[in-house]
Amino acid sequence: MTAKETLELISKQWCTIEDLKKLSNLGNNNVYRLKKEIQEELEANGYILPKGLIPMCEVVKKLKIDIDYLNRLANLS
């Protein structure tokens, strides 16, 4: 996945399982575990989430995606 593709993907408001698979490069079991972990953290803080979706901003934080670095890479090509 290129920097531009990653930036396009993380520009979405909500993250699906398929998006999480692409961003994390994990297998099915680990992706579902990661999603559940993020979801449980948010719900413990009082958030109510749509079924099957988690906020993309939380995924970016959890995976520690460096947006500035991706922007620099995307501008090079």
C-alpha atoms as a PDB file:
ATOM      1  CA  MET A   1       0.000   0.000   0.000  1.00  0.00           C
ATOM      2  CA  THR A   2       1.438   3.384  -0.981  1.00  0.00           C
ATOM      3  CA  ALA A   3       1.511   6.491   1.174  1.00  0.00           C
ATOM      4  CA  LYS A   4      -1.242   8.075  -0.935  1.00  0.00           C
ATOM      5  CA  GLU A   5      -3.453   5.001  -0.587  1.00  0.00           C
ATOM      6  CA  THR A   6      -2.907   4.972   3.157  1.00  0.00           C
ATOM      7  CA  LEU A   7      -3.767   8.667   3.423  1.00  0.00           C
ATOM      8  CA  GLU A   8      -6.929   8.138   1.384  1.00  0.00           C
ATOM      9  CA  LEU A   9      -7.926   5.243   3.611  1.00  0.00           C
ATOM     10  CA  ILE A  10      -7.362   7.092   6.878  1.00  0.00           C
ATOM     11  CA  SER A  11      -9.259  10.133   5.610  1.00  0.00           C
ATOM     12  CA  LYS A  12     -12.499   8.209   6.176  1.00  0.00           C
ATOM     13  CA  GLN A  13     -14.479   8.924   9.347  1.00  0.00           C
ATOM     14  CA  TRP A  14     -15.175   5.286  10.232  1.00  0.00           C
ATOM     15  CA  CYS A  15     -12.962   2.220  10.001  1.00  0.00           C
ATOM     16  CA  THR A  16     -14.294  -1.184   8.948  1.00  0.00           C
ATOM     17  CA  ILE A  17     -12.657  -4.565   9.471  1.00  0.00           C
ATOM     18  CA  GLU A  18     -11.391  -4.512   5.880  1.00  0.00           C
ATOM     19  CA  ASP A  19      -9.813  -1.089   6.416  1.00  0.00           C
ATOM     20  CA  LEU A  20      -8.214  -2.311   9.631  1.00  0.00           C
ATOM     21  CA  LYS A  21      -6.786  -5.343   7.824  1.00  0.00           C
ATOM     22  CA  LYS A  22      -5.198  -3.097   5.200  1.00  0.00           C
ATOM     23  CA  LEU A  23      -3.769  -0.648   7.723  1.00  0.00           C
ATOM     24  CA  SER A  24      -2.488  -3.156  10.266  1.00  0.00           C
ATOM     25  CA  ASN A  25      -1.441  -5.953   7.903  1.00  0.00           C
ATOM     26  CA  LEU A  26      -2.697  -8.472  10.481  1.00  0.00           C
ATOM     27  CA  GLY A  27      -4.590 -11.715  10.007  1.00  0.00           C
ATOM     28  CA  ASN A  28      -8.292 -12.156  10.701  1.00  0.00           C
ATOM     29  CA  ASN A  29      -8.040 -13.247  14.342  1.00  0.00           C
ATOM     30  CA  ASN A  30      -5.646 -10.462  15.302  1.00  0.00           C
ATOM     31  CA  VAL A  31      -7.659  -7.828  13.442  1.00  0.00           C
ATOM     32  CA  TYR A  32     -10.835  -8.798  15.291  1.00  0.00           C
ATOM     33  CA  ARG A  33      -8.910  -8.769  18.568  1.00  0.00           C
ATOM     34  CA  LEU A  34      -7.538  -5.283  17.812  1.00  0.00           C
ATOM     35  CA  LYS A  35     -10.988  -3.996  16.843  1.00  0.00           C
ATOM     36  CA  LYS A  36     -12.487  -5.392  20.029  1.00  0.00           C
ATOM     37  CA  GLU A  37      -9.732  -3.816  22.118  1.00  0.00           C
ATOM     38  CA  ILE A  38     -10.294  -0.359  20.580  1.00  0.00           C
ATOM     39  CA  GLN A  39     -14.061  -0.737  20.838  1.00  0.00           C
ATOM     40  CA  GLU A  40     -13.926  -1.772  24.511  1.00  0.00           C
ATOM     41  CA  GLU A  41     -11.642   1.155  25.382  1.00  0.00           C
ATOM     42  CA  LEU A  42     -14.034   3.621  23.759  1.00  0.00           C
ATOM     43  CA  GLU A  43     -17.154   2.104  25.305  1.00  0.00           C
ATOM     44  CA  ALA A  44     -15.492   2.164  28.744  1.00  0.00           C
ATOM     45  CA  ASN A  45     -15.077   5.918  28.239  1.00  0.00           C
ATOM     46  CA  GLY A  46     -18.781   6.316  27.490  1.00  0.00           C
ATOM     47  CA  TYR A  47     -18.766   6.311  23.687  1.00  0.00           C
ATOM     48  CA  ILE A  48     -21.583   4.661  21.770  1.00  0.00           C
ATOM     49  CA  LEU A  49     -20.390   3.245  18.455  1.00  0.00           C
ATOM     50  CA  PRO A  50     -22.204   2.189  15.293  1.00  0.00           C
ATOM     51  CA  LYS A  51     -22.286  -1.572  14.794  1.00  0.00           C
ATOM     52  CA  GLY A  52     -19.099  -2.866  13.203  1.00  0.00           C
ATOM     53  CA  LEU A  53     -17.378   0.524  12.978  1.00  0.00           C
ATOM     54  CA  ILE A  54     -14.734   2.302  14.994  1.00  0.00           C
ATOM     55  CA  PRO A  55     -13.511   5.891  14.567  1.00  0.00           C
ATOM     56  CA  MET A  56     -10.594   6.127  12.165  1.00  0.00           C
ATOM     57  CA  CYS A  57      -8.861   8.675  14.408  1.00  0.00           C
ATOM     58  CA  GLU A  58      -8.685   6.047  17.171  1.00  0.00           C
ATOM     59  CA  VAL A  59      -7.243   3.493  14.745  1.00  0.00           C
ATOM     60  CA  VAL A  60      -4.579   5.994  13.661  1.00  0.00           C
ATOM     61  CA  LYS A  61      -3.683   6.615  17.322  1.00  0.00           C
ATOM     62  CA  LYS A  62      -3.620   2.902  18.196  1.00  0.00           C
ATOM     63  CA  LEU A  63      -1.466   1.947  15.206  1.00  0.00           C
ATOM     64  CA  LYS A  64       0.712   5.056  15.672  1.00  0.00           C
ATOM     65  CA  ILE A  65       0.412   6.054  12.026  1.00  0.00           C
ATOM     66  CA  ASP A  66       2.617   9.072  11.289  1.00  0.00           C
ATOM     67  CA  ILE A  67       0.457  11.246   9.040  1.00  0.00           C
ATOM     68  CA  ASP A  68       3.144  13.923   8.547  1.00  0.00           C
ATOM     69  CA  TYR A  69       5.579  11.299   7.293  1.00  0.00           C
ATOM     70  CA  LEU A  70       2.986   9.845   4.913  1.00  0.00           C
ATOM     71  CA  ASN A  71       2.254  13.343   3.571  1.00  0.00           C
ATOM     72  CA  ARG A  72       5.958  13.910   2.878  1.00  0.00           C
ATOM     73  CA  LEU A  73       6.212  10.563   1.080  1.00  0.00           C
ATOM     74  CA  ALA A  74       3.074  11.237  -0.953  1.00  0.00           C
ATOM     75  CA  ASN A  75       4.446  14.608  -2.072  1.00  0.00           C
ATOM     76  CA  LEU A  76       7.695  13.055  -3.287  1.00  0.00           C
ATOM     77  CA  SER A  77       6.000  11.013  -5.987  1.00  0.00           C
END
